[in-house]
Amino acid sequence: QSQKRFAATRAGVFPCFGLHPYFISKTAEEGCNAAFAILEQELSLSFALGECGLDFRTKILGSEPASVKARQERFFCKQLIFAKEVDKVPILHIVRAHSEAIQILRKFYGVGTRGALVHAFNAEFKTAKNYLDLGFHLSIGGALLHANNSGLHDTVAKMPLDRLLLESDSPDQAPPGWPGQWNEPTVILHVAKRVAELKNSSPRAVLNAARENFLQLFHKELSK
């Protein structure tokens, strides 16, 4: 409800609804099923489906990792099937679970879809290629600005520019040395500059490409 109220008062803000793996990890099966029923009712008001996905970090899995992993996977599958049924682009949150996520995506979503947005992608090119081969877009944020993040630097240098999106993930994931406690949207300009350096391009060209990629991925929603 808060997303809907916020978007209603601001142009260019689009609500996105989904069952985040954080929520699924701390919520029993019954509660997840109830939330999914609400998602089915509300998704027509949403720009995309997400974030959805898998997060297998120890702090997310808690004291019952096997059962939490299984619950995350069940509801990830359900959301992908639903996204395909209603023709919504999923926004993917995948952390320390790329191999599992890619298997699920190939089985339940990847063929004959509009694609997907891999949120805050931060992995080597071998992993990126699996998503690119499915026709997905990789969204790059402040993690690229870490000087020692060679795996992501290599990914950005090698990936096609027409699959790249930019994000801040504001207020989270501030880049190193960012002033103040909270991240903010202007970090996108710094990310674009670093992308340009890695691809021997210009920040303006990168920003323009990311904008066109966004328009292409969400053309159906933006044409309404």
Protein backbone atom coordinates (compact mmCIF):
# COMPACT_ATOMS: atom_id res chain seq x y z
CA GLN A 1 0.00 0.00 0.00
CA SER A 2 2.83 2.42 0.79
CA GLN A 3 4.29 1.91 -2.70
CA LYS A 4 0.95 2.67 -4.32
CA ARG A 5 0.49 5.83 -2.26
CA PHE A 6 4.02 7.01 -3.01
CA ALA A 7 3.74 6.37 -6.76
CA ALA A 8 0.36 8.08 -6.98
CA THR A 9 1.89 11.41 -5.96
CA ARG A 10 5.07 11.34 -8.07
CA ALA A 11 5.53 11.15 -11.82
CA GLY A 12 8.02 8.60 -13.07
CA VAL A 13 7.78 6.36 -10.01
CA PHE A 14 6.60 2.81 -10.67
CA PRO A 15 5.59 0.36 -7.92
CA CYS A 16 6.87 -3.21 -8.10
CA PHE A 17 5.33 -6.04 -6.08
CA GLY A 18 6.82 -9.41 -5.30
CA LEU A 19 7.72 -11.85 -2.55
CA HIS A 20 11.31 -11.04 -1.65
CA PRO A 21 13.51 -13.91 -0.43
CA TYR A 22 14.02 -11.97 2.82
CA PHE A 23 10.27 -12.13 3.45
CA ILE A 24 10.02 -15.78 2.45
CA SER A 25 12.92 -16.72 4.72
CA LYS A 26 11.30 -15.30 7.84
CA THR A 27 7.70 -16.24 7.03
CA ALA A 28 6.08 -19.65 7.43
CA GLU A 29 4.51 -21.45 4.47
CA GLU A 30 0.99 -20.34 5.35
CA GLY A 31 2.01 -16.70 5.45
CA CYS A 32 3.86 -17.00 2.14
CA ASN A 33 0.80 -18.55 0.52
CA ALA A 34 -1.38 -15.72 1.83
CA ALA A 35 1.09 -13.14 0.49
CA PHE A 36 1.18 -14.86 -2.88
CA ALA A 37 -2.63 -14.69 -3.07
CA ILE A 38 -2.43 -10.93 -2.50
CA LEU A 39 0.27 -10.69 -5.18
CA GLU A 40 -2.04 -12.42 -7.66
CA GLN A 41 -4.71 -9.79 -6.97
CA GLU A 42 -2.41 -6.76 -6.99
CA LEU A 43 0.11 -7.50 -9.76
CA SER A 44 -1.98 -5.75 -12.42
CA LEU A 45 -1.12 -2.50 -10.58
CA SER A 46 2.60 -3.30 -10.58
CA PHE A 47 5.24 -2.25 -13.11
CA ALA A 48 7.09 -5.56 -12.75
CA LEU A 49 7.19 -8.62 -10.51
CA GLY A 50 9.83 -8.31 -7.89
CA GLU A 51 12.08 -8.46 -6.25
CA CYS A 52 11.88 -12.23 -6.33
CA GLY A 53 14.62 -14.83 -6.29
CA LEU A 54 17.02 -16.63 -4.00
CA ASP A 55 19.35 -15.46 -1.25
CA PHE A 56 21.40 -18.24 0.33
CA ARG A 57 23.55 -16.17 2.67
CA THR A 58 23.85 -17.69 6.14
CA LYS A 59 22.26 -14.66 7.82
CA ILE A 60 19.20 -14.98 5.57
CA LEU A 61 18.80 -18.76 5.87
CA GLY A 62 18.93 -18.68 9.67
CA SER A 63 18.79 -21.75 11.87
CA GLU A 64 16.96 -24.02 9.38
CA PRO A 65 18.87 -23.49 6.12
CA ALA A 66 17.59 -26.56 4.26
CA SER A 67 13.91 -25.80 4.81
CA VAL A 68 14.36 -22.09 4.11
CA LYS A 69 16.21 -22.83 0.86
CA ALA A 70 13.41 -25.16 -0.21
CA ARG A 71 10.75 -22.54 0.61
CA GLN A 72 12.64 -19.84 -1.29
CA GLU A 73 12.89 -22.13 -4.31
CA ARG A 74 9.17 -23.06 -4.22
CA PHE A 75 8.01 -19.47 -4.14
CA PHE A 76 10.58 -18.37 -6.70
CA CYS A 77 9.16 -20.99 -9.08
CA LYS A 78 5.58 -19.89 -8.34
CA GLN A 79 6.40 -16.25 -9.03
CA LEU A 80 8.21 -17.04 -12.29
CA ILE A 81 5.29 -19.11 -13.54
CA PHE A 82 2.92 -16.29 -12.61
CA ALA A 83 5.12 -13.65 -14.25
CA LYS A 84 5.07 -15.67 -17.45
CA GLU A 85 1.29 -16.12 -17.29
CA VAL A 86 0.59 -12.39 -16.89
CA ASP A 87 3.49 -11.16 -19.05
CA LYS A 88 5.35 -9.25 -16.36
CA VAL A 89 9.12 -8.79 -16.26
CA PRO A 90 10.61 -10.32 -13.09
CA ILE A 91 13.19 -8.36 -11.13
CA LEU A 92 15.63 -10.93 -9.78
CA HIS A 93 17.40 -10.81 -6.43
CA ILE A 94 20.02 -13.57 -6.57
CA VAL A 95 22.74 -13.80 -3.93
CA ARG A 96 25.07 -16.79 -3.50
CA ALA A 97 22.58 -18.93 -5.42
CA HIS A 98 23.30 -18.31 -9.09
CA SER A 99 23.60 -21.94 -10.15
CA GLU A 100 20.32 -22.87 -8.42
CA ALA A 101 18.56 -19.79 -9.79
CA ILE A 102 19.71 -20.40 -13.36
CA GLN A 103 18.44 -23.99 -13.26
CA ILE A 104 15.04 -22.77 -12.06
CA LEU A 105 14.93 -19.96 -14.62
CA ARG A 106 15.72 -22.31 -17.49
CA LYS A 107 12.96 -24.68 -16.40
CA PHE A 108 10.20 -22.28 -15.39
CA TYR A 109 10.75 -18.99 -17.19
CA GLY A 110 13.59 -18.51 -19.67
CA VAL A 111 12.08 -19.62 -22.99
CA GLY A 112 9.60 -17.41 -24.85
CA THR A 113 9.50 -14.59 -22.32
CA ARG A 114 10.09 -10.84 -22.38
CA GLY A 115 13.27 -11.25 -20.37
CA ALA A 116 14.19 -10.27 -16.84
CA LEU A 117 16.21 -7.73 -14.87
CA VAL A 118 18.97 -9.18 -12.70
CA HIS A 119 19.12 -6.65 -9.88
CA ALA A 120 22.48 -5.45 -8.50
CA PHE A 121 24.43 -8.02 -10.49
CA ASN A 122 27.82 -8.66 -8.93
CA ALA A 123 29.58 -11.75 -10.29
CA GLU A 124 32.09 -12.92 -12.85
CA PHE A 125 31.40 -13.13 -16.59
CA LYS A 126 30.94 -16.92 -16.57
CA THR A 127 27.87 -16.42 -14.39
CA ALA A 128 26.72 -13.37 -16.32
CA LYS A 129 26.76 -15.30 -19.59
CA ASN A 130 24.12 -17.71 -18.29
CA TYR A 131 21.73 -14.80 -17.75
CA LEU A 132 22.70 -13.13 -21.02
CA ASP A 133 22.06 -16.38 -22.89
CA LEU A 134 18.52 -16.35 -21.49
CA GLY A 135 18.03 -12.86 -22.94
CA PHE A 136 18.13 -11.08 -19.58
CA HIS A 137 19.44 -7.62 -18.67
CA LEU A 138 22.06 -7.11 -15.97
CA SER A 139 21.58 -4.10 -13.70
CA ILE A 140 24.85 -2.69 -12.37
CA GLY A 141 25.19 -0.54 -9.27
CA GLY A 142 27.64 0.73 -6.69
CA ALA A 143 29.47 -2.60 -6.37
CA LEU A 144 31.24 -1.70 -9.62
CA LEU A 145 32.98 1.18 -7.84
CA HIS A 146 34.97 -1.09 -5.54
CA ALA A 147 38.54 -0.99 -6.84
CA ASN A 148 39.18 -4.67 -6.07
CA ASN A 149 35.99 -6.01 -7.69
CA SER A 150 37.84 -7.46 -10.69
CA GLY A 151 35.18 -10.08 -11.45
CA LEU A 152 32.47 -7.49 -11.98
CA HIS A 153 34.86 -5.18 -13.83
CA ASP A 154 35.58 -8.00 -16.27
CA THR A 155 31.88 -8.76 -16.66
CA VAL A 156 31.03 -5.18 -17.55
CA ALA A 157 33.93 -4.94 -19.98
CA LYS A 158 32.79 -8.09 -21.81
CA MET A 159 28.98 -7.89 -21.70
CA PRO A 160 27.06 -6.27 -24.56
CA LEU A 161 26.01 -2.69 -23.90
CA ASP A 162 22.48 -3.41 -25.09
CA ARG A 163 21.91 -5.65 -22.04
CA LEU A 164 23.17 -3.21 -19.43
CA LEU A 165 21.04 -1.26 -16.97
CA LEU A 166 22.17 1.07 -14.18
CA GLU A 167 20.87 1.36 -10.63
CA SER A 168 21.63 2.99 -7.31
CA ASP A 169 19.66 0.63 -5.03
CA SER A 170 19.18 3.76 -2.92
CA PRO A 171 19.27 3.96 0.06
CA ASP A 172 21.22 0.69 0.24
CA GLN A 173 24.55 -0.48 -1.21
CA ALA A 174 26.41 2.80 -1.09
CA PRO A 175 29.75 2.65 -2.92
CA PRO A 176 33.03 2.95 -1.01
CA GLY A 177 33.74 6.40 0.35
CA TRP A 178 30.21 7.66 -0.31
CA PRO A 179 29.52 10.57 2.05
CA GLY A 180 26.81 10.23 4.66
CA GLN A 181 24.99 7.16 5.90
CA TRP A 182 22.57 6.65 2.99
CA ASN A 183 23.11 5.96 -0.67
CA GLU A 184 21.27 8.18 -3.14
CA PRO A 185 20.25 8.03 -6.84
CA THR A 186 23.07 10.27 -8.03
CA VAL A 187 25.46 7.35 -7.60
CA ILE A 188 24.23 6.22 -11.02
CA LEU A 189 26.35 8.96 -12.58
CA HIS A 190 29.46 7.53 -10.93
CA VAL A 191 28.55 4.01 -12.02
CA ALA A 192 28.04 5.21 -15.61
CA LYS A 193 31.47 6.84 -15.56
CA ARG A 194 33.11 3.60 -14.42
CA VAL A 195 31.21 1.58 -17.03
CA ALA A 196 32.43 4.02 -19.67
CA GLU A 197 36.03 3.55 -18.56
CA LEU A 198 35.71 -0.23 -18.75
CA LYS A 199 34.07 -0.17 -22.18
CA ASN A 200 36.19 2.61 -23.69
CA SER A 201 33.11 4.76 -24.13
CA SER A 202 31.68 7.95 -22.62
CA PRO A 203 29.38 8.36 -19.62
CA ARG A 204 26.74 10.00 -21.81
CA ALA A 205 26.80 7.07 -24.25
CA VAL A 206 26.43 4.62 -21.35
CA LEU A 207 23.55 6.58 -19.83
CA ASN A 208 21.81 6.80 -23.19
CA ALA A 209 22.26 3.08 -23.80
CA ALA A 210 20.91 2.20 -20.35
CA ARG A 211 17.90 4.41 -20.93
CA GLU A 212 17.14 2.78 -24.29
CA ASN A 213 17.56 -0.67 -22.76
CA PHE A 214 15.09 0.21 -20.02
CA LEU A 215 12.59 1.54 -22.53
CA GLN A 216 12.92 -1.62 -24.59
CA LEU A 217 12.55 -4.00 -21.65
CA PHE A 218 9.49 -2.23 -20.26
CA HIS A 219 7.96 -0.98 -23.51
CA LYS A 220 4.60 -2.57 -22.73
CA GLU A 221 4.23 -0.82 -19.37
CA LEU A 222 5.56 2.53 -20.57
CA SER A 223 3.18 2.61 -23.54
CA LYS A 224 0.10 2.61 -21.29
